[in-house]
Amino acid sequence: MTLLNALHVHPLSTAAPISNAFSMELLVFLLLLAYFIVVRVTLSVEKPAPVQHLAEMTHEFVSQQGESIIGHGYQRFTSYLTALLLFILLANLMGIIPGLESPTANAVVPLGFALVTFFYYHYHGLRSNGVAYIKQFLGPVWWLYPLLLPIEIISHLARVLSLTVRLYANMFAGDLVTLAFFSLVPIGIPLIFLGLHLGVAVVQAYVFFLLASIYLSLAVAHDH
């Protein structure tokens, strides 16, 4: 509360100044920070630790996906895409642990990921193409500009909605189904739904990562 008051943030409830989703996000952030610190501290060429192998596998996966989707110059986006993939994946998996919940089951969290990705790929589109980036919104011939410009703007804004709803709806439904079956049958059958929840968590993290990579590739392409 002292920190929030210093930042002039006044929560509605003093007993619970931050939401569950925000606290879960903080936990995910701290876990990833600890993970990256351990990887950096234990970095070794001769005797790589298991955590280093995991980091190398993740980097290789993101690099391969980036090279195949984005192509030339994909390296500068690897750090963002890696952080995005790991954060969403870990956030999705939080709901499997009893007593915790997936922050991505709260619509505000996927919306945040979607907005950051939206501004990120537009920034790099402008950085790579300059003023010519606007051609992506105008079409091939000048007399179509007034028609295509609003359509393209709506299309790009719809990407934010699509990214948000897809991740939120799947994780919310997964958490709800898992919780419902654990309430009805404490053992046995709920394990099946935990497996399904795990699959959904991994797939949705990859889908978000994949779409972010595709949007980046379209934004930085030079042949609009």
Protein backbone atom coordinates (compact mmCIF):
# COMPACT_ATOMS: atom_id res chain seq x y z
CA MET A 1 0.00 0.00 0.00
CA THR A 2 2.86 2.37 0.80
CA LEU A 3 4.31 1.92 -2.68
CA LEU A 4 0.90 2.38 -4.33
CA ASN A 5 0.26 5.55 -2.33
CA ALA A 6 3.68 6.88 -3.32
CA LEU A 7 2.70 6.31 -6.97
CA HIS A 8 -0.66 8.05 -6.34
CA VAL A 9 -2.53 4.82 -7.06
CA HIS A 10 -5.60 4.36 -4.88
CA PRO A 11 -7.00 0.80 -4.99
CA LEU A 12 -10.69 0.17 -4.41
CA SER A 13 -9.94 -2.31 -1.63
CA THR A 14 -7.19 -1.76 0.91
CA ALA A 15 -7.40 -5.41 1.94
CA ALA A 16 -6.60 -6.52 -1.63
CA PRO A 17 -4.78 -3.59 -3.28
CA ILE A 18 -3.81 -5.59 -6.37
CA SER A 19 -5.84 -8.08 -8.36
CA ASN A 20 -5.14 -11.81 -8.53
CA ALA A 21 -4.23 -11.49 -12.20
CA PHE A 22 -1.67 -8.78 -11.48
CA SER A 23 -0.15 -10.76 -8.61
CA MET A 24 0.12 -13.81 -10.89
CA GLU A 25 1.82 -11.66 -13.53
CA LEU A 26 4.31 -10.47 -10.93
CA LEU A 27 4.98 -14.07 -9.96
CA VAL A 28 5.56 -15.03 -13.61
CA PHE A 29 7.89 -12.04 -14.02
CA LEU A 30 9.91 -13.01 -10.93
CA LEU A 31 10.14 -16.64 -12.03
CA LEU A 32 11.38 -15.67 -15.49
CA LEU A 33 13.82 -13.16 -14.00
CA ALA A 34 15.21 -15.87 -11.70
CA TYR A 35 15.41 -18.27 -14.66
CA PHE A 36 17.40 -15.83 -16.80
CA ILE A 37 19.70 -15.01 -13.89
CA VAL A 38 20.40 -18.71 -13.26
CA VAL A 39 21.08 -19.23 -16.98
CA ARG A 40 23.52 -16.31 -17.01
CA VAL A 41 25.30 -17.33 -13.81
CA THR A 42 25.68 -21.00 -14.78
CA LEU A 43 26.65 -20.29 -18.40
CA SER A 44 29.44 -22.65 -19.40
CA VAL A 45 30.89 -23.94 -22.66
CA GLU A 46 32.52 -27.03 -21.17
CA LYS A 47 29.84 -28.12 -18.68
CA PRO A 48 26.46 -26.61 -19.60
CA ALA A 49 23.81 -27.04 -16.92
CA PRO A 50 20.33 -28.44 -17.69
CA VAL A 51 18.88 -24.94 -17.45
CA GLN A 52 21.35 -23.80 -20.12
CA HIS A 53 20.28 -26.66 -22.39
CA LEU A 54 16.67 -25.54 -21.95
CA ALA A 55 17.59 -21.94 -22.78
CA GLU A 56 19.51 -23.04 -25.89
CA MET A 57 16.60 -25.19 -27.05
CA THR A 58 14.22 -22.26 -26.60
CA HIS A 59 16.54 -19.90 -28.46
CA GLU A 60 16.98 -22.40 -31.30
CA PHE A 61 13.21 -22.91 -31.59
CA VAL A 62 12.46 -19.18 -31.68
CA SER A 63 15.31 -18.57 -34.13
CA GLN A 64 14.12 -21.30 -36.49
CA GLN A 65 10.57 -19.98 -36.40
CA GLY A 66 11.76 -16.41 -36.86
CA GLU A 67 13.97 -17.29 -39.81
CA SER A 68 11.23 -19.26 -41.58
CA ILE A 69 8.49 -16.67 -40.97
CA ILE A 70 10.27 -13.29 -40.89
CA GLY A 71 13.35 -14.12 -42.95
CA HIS A 72 16.31 -11.77 -43.25
CA GLY A 73 16.90 -9.67 -40.14
CA TYR A 74 14.85 -11.90 -37.84
CA GLN A 75 17.64 -11.81 -35.21
CA ARG A 76 16.64 -8.39 -33.85
CA PHE A 77 13.18 -9.70 -32.97
CA THR A 78 14.35 -12.89 -31.25
CA SER A 79 14.59 -11.40 -27.76
CA TYR A 80 11.06 -9.96 -27.86
CA LEU A 81 9.52 -13.11 -29.32
CA THR A 82 11.33 -15.29 -26.78
CA ALA A 83 10.14 -13.17 -23.85
CA LEU A 84 6.60 -13.10 -25.27
CA LEU A 85 6.47 -16.87 -25.75
CA LEU A 86 7.90 -17.73 -22.32
CA PHE A 87 5.78 -15.19 -20.44
CA ILE A 88 2.50 -16.31 -22.03
CA LEU A 89 3.40 -20.00 -21.71
CA LEU A 90 4.25 -19.71 -18.01
CA ALA A 91 1.20 -17.51 -17.37
CA ASN A 92 -1.02 -20.10 -19.06
CA LEU A 93 0.48 -22.93 -17.01
CA MET A 94 -0.11 -21.19 -13.68
CA GLY A 95 -3.71 -22.42 -13.66
CA ILE A 96 -2.55 -26.04 -13.42
CA ILE A 97 -1.04 -25.45 -9.97
CA PRO A 98 -3.62 -25.78 -7.15
CA GLY A 99 -4.29 -22.45 -5.47
CA LEU A 100 -3.04 -20.40 -8.44
CA GLU A 101 -4.80 -19.13 -11.54
CA SER A 102 -3.79 -18.26 -15.07
CA PRO A 103 -3.51 -14.46 -15.39
CA THR A 104 -4.30 -14.90 -19.08
CA ALA A 105 -7.81 -16.00 -18.01
CA ASN A 106 -8.38 -12.31 -17.20
CA ALA A 107 -9.18 -10.34 -20.39
CA VAL A 108 -6.98 -7.38 -19.40
CA VAL A 109 -3.78 -9.47 -19.50
CA PRO A 110 -4.16 -10.83 -23.07
CA LEU A 111 -5.21 -7.33 -24.12
CA GLY A 112 -1.93 -6.01 -22.75
CA PHE A 113 0.06 -8.59 -24.72
CA ALA A 114 -1.94 -7.78 -27.86
CA LEU A 115 -1.45 -4.01 -27.54
CA VAL A 116 2.29 -4.31 -26.92
CA THR A 117 2.62 -6.59 -29.96
CA PHE A 118 0.47 -4.20 -32.02
CA PHE A 119 2.69 -1.18 -31.28
CA TYR A 120 5.86 -3.27 -31.54
CA TYR A 121 5.29 -4.50 -35.09
CA HIS A 122 4.08 -1.08 -36.30
CA TYR A 123 7.16 0.55 -34.80
CA HIS A 124 9.46 -1.87 -36.62
CA GLY A 125 7.40 -1.52 -39.79
CA LEU A 126 8.05 2.23 -39.74
CA ARG A 127 11.67 1.69 -38.76
CA SER A 128 12.29 -0.73 -41.64
CA ASN A 129 10.31 1.04 -44.38
CA GLY A 130 10.09 4.66 -43.27
CA VAL A 131 7.23 6.65 -44.75
CA ALA A 132 6.79 3.92 -47.38
CA TYR A 133 5.21 1.77 -44.65
CA ILE A 134 1.97 3.65 -45.21
CA LYS A 135 1.70 1.92 -48.62
CA GLN A 136 0.67 -1.23 -46.76
CA PHE A 137 -2.59 0.55 -45.90
CA LEU A 138 -3.30 2.09 -49.30
CA GLY A 139 -3.35 -0.66 -51.90
CA PRO A 140 -1.82 -0.95 -55.38
CA VAL A 141 -3.58 1.96 -57.16
CA TRP A 142 -4.28 5.50 -56.03
CA TRP A 143 -8.02 5.52 -56.71
CA LEU A 144 -8.49 2.68 -54.19
CA TYR A 145 -6.76 4.61 -51.37
CA PRO A 146 -9.95 6.09 -49.83
CA LEU A 147 -11.60 2.67 -49.77
CA LEU A 148 -8.69 0.53 -48.60
CA LEU A 149 -7.27 2.86 -45.93
CA PRO A 150 -10.21 2.55 -43.47
CA ILE A 151 -10.50 -1.17 -44.24
CA GLU A 152 -6.82 -1.77 -43.47
CA ILE A 153 -6.98 0.31 -40.28
CA ILE A 154 -9.98 -1.71 -39.07
CA SER A 155 -8.21 -4.92 -40.06
CA HIS A 156 -5.13 -4.05 -37.97
CA LEU A 157 -7.27 -3.05 -35.00
CA ALA A 158 -9.13 -6.34 -35.35
CA ARG A 159 -5.82 -8.13 -34.83
CA VAL A 160 -5.74 -6.76 -31.29
CA LEU A 161 -9.24 -8.08 -30.65
CA SER A 162 -8.43 -11.42 -32.24
CA LEU A 163 -5.25 -11.95 -30.21
CA THR A 164 -7.02 -10.93 -27.01
CA VAL A 165 -10.20 -12.97 -27.38
CA ARG A 166 -8.46 -16.13 -28.62
CA LEU A 167 -6.06 -16.31 -25.68
CA TYR A 168 -8.53 -15.11 -23.04
CA ALA A 169 -11.44 -17.32 -24.09
CA ASN A 170 -9.38 -20.51 -24.26
CA MET A 171 -7.61 -19.98 -20.94
CA PHE A 172 -10.77 -18.84 -19.15
CA ALA A 173 -12.65 -21.91 -20.38
CA GLY A 174 -9.73 -24.19 -19.45
CA ASP A 175 -9.51 -22.80 -15.92
CA LEU A 176 -13.30 -22.99 -15.50
CA VAL A 177 -13.58 -26.61 -16.66
CA THR A 178 -10.61 -27.74 -14.56
CA LEU A 179 -11.97 -26.02 -11.45
CA ALA A 180 -15.46 -27.43 -11.99
CA PHE A 181 -14.29 -31.02 -12.30
CA PHE A 182 -11.93 -30.74 -9.33
CA SER A 183 -14.88 -29.48 -7.28
CA LEU A 184 -17.06 -32.41 -8.34
CA VAL A 185 -14.50 -35.22 -8.42
CA PRO A 186 -11.27 -34.50 -6.49
CA ILE A 187 -9.20 -37.30 -8.02
CA GLY A 188 -9.04 -39.38 -11.18
CA ILE A 189 -11.09 -37.75 -13.93
CA PRO A 190 -9.79 -34.17 -13.31
CA LEU A 191 -6.30 -35.38 -14.25
CA ILE A 192 -7.56 -35.82 -17.82
CA PHE A 193 -8.69 -32.21 -17.86
CA LEU A 194 -5.35 -31.12 -16.40
CA GLY A 195 -3.73 -32.77 -19.40
CA LEU A 196 -6.11 -30.97 -21.73
CA HIS A 197 -5.42 -27.71 -19.91
CA LEU A 198 -1.69 -28.28 -20.37
CA GLY A 199 -2.18 -28.86 -24.09
CA VAL A 200 -4.35 -25.76 -24.48
CA ALA A 201 -1.80 -23.66 -22.54
CA VAL A 202 1.06 -24.72 -24.81
CA VAL A 203 -0.94 -24.40 -28.05
CA GLN A 204 -2.31 -20.95 -27.19
CA ALA A 205 1.14 -19.64 -26.25
CA TYR A 206 2.50 -20.90 -29.58
CA VAL A 207 -0.44 -19.47 -31.56
CA PHE A 208 0.06 -16.03 -30.02
CA PHE A 209 3.80 -16.24 -30.72
CA LEU A 210 3.15 -17.42 -34.28
CA LEU A 211 0.70 -14.62 -35.08
CA ALA A 212 3.05 -12.02 -33.59
CA SER A 213 5.82 -13.36 -35.86
CA ILE A 214 3.54 -13.23 -38.92
CA TYR A 215 2.48 -9.64 -38.17
CA LEU A 216 6.14 -8.68 -37.78
CA SER A 217 7.05 -10.32 -41.08
CA LEU A 218 4.30 -8.41 -42.88
CA ALA A 219 5.28 -5.12 -41.24
CA VAL A 220 9.02 -5.27 -42.03
CA ALA A 221 8.66 -6.67 -45.57
CA HIS A 222 9.93 -4.27 -48.24
CA ASP A 223 7.65 -5.35 -51.07
CA HIS A 224 4.26 -4.06 -49.87
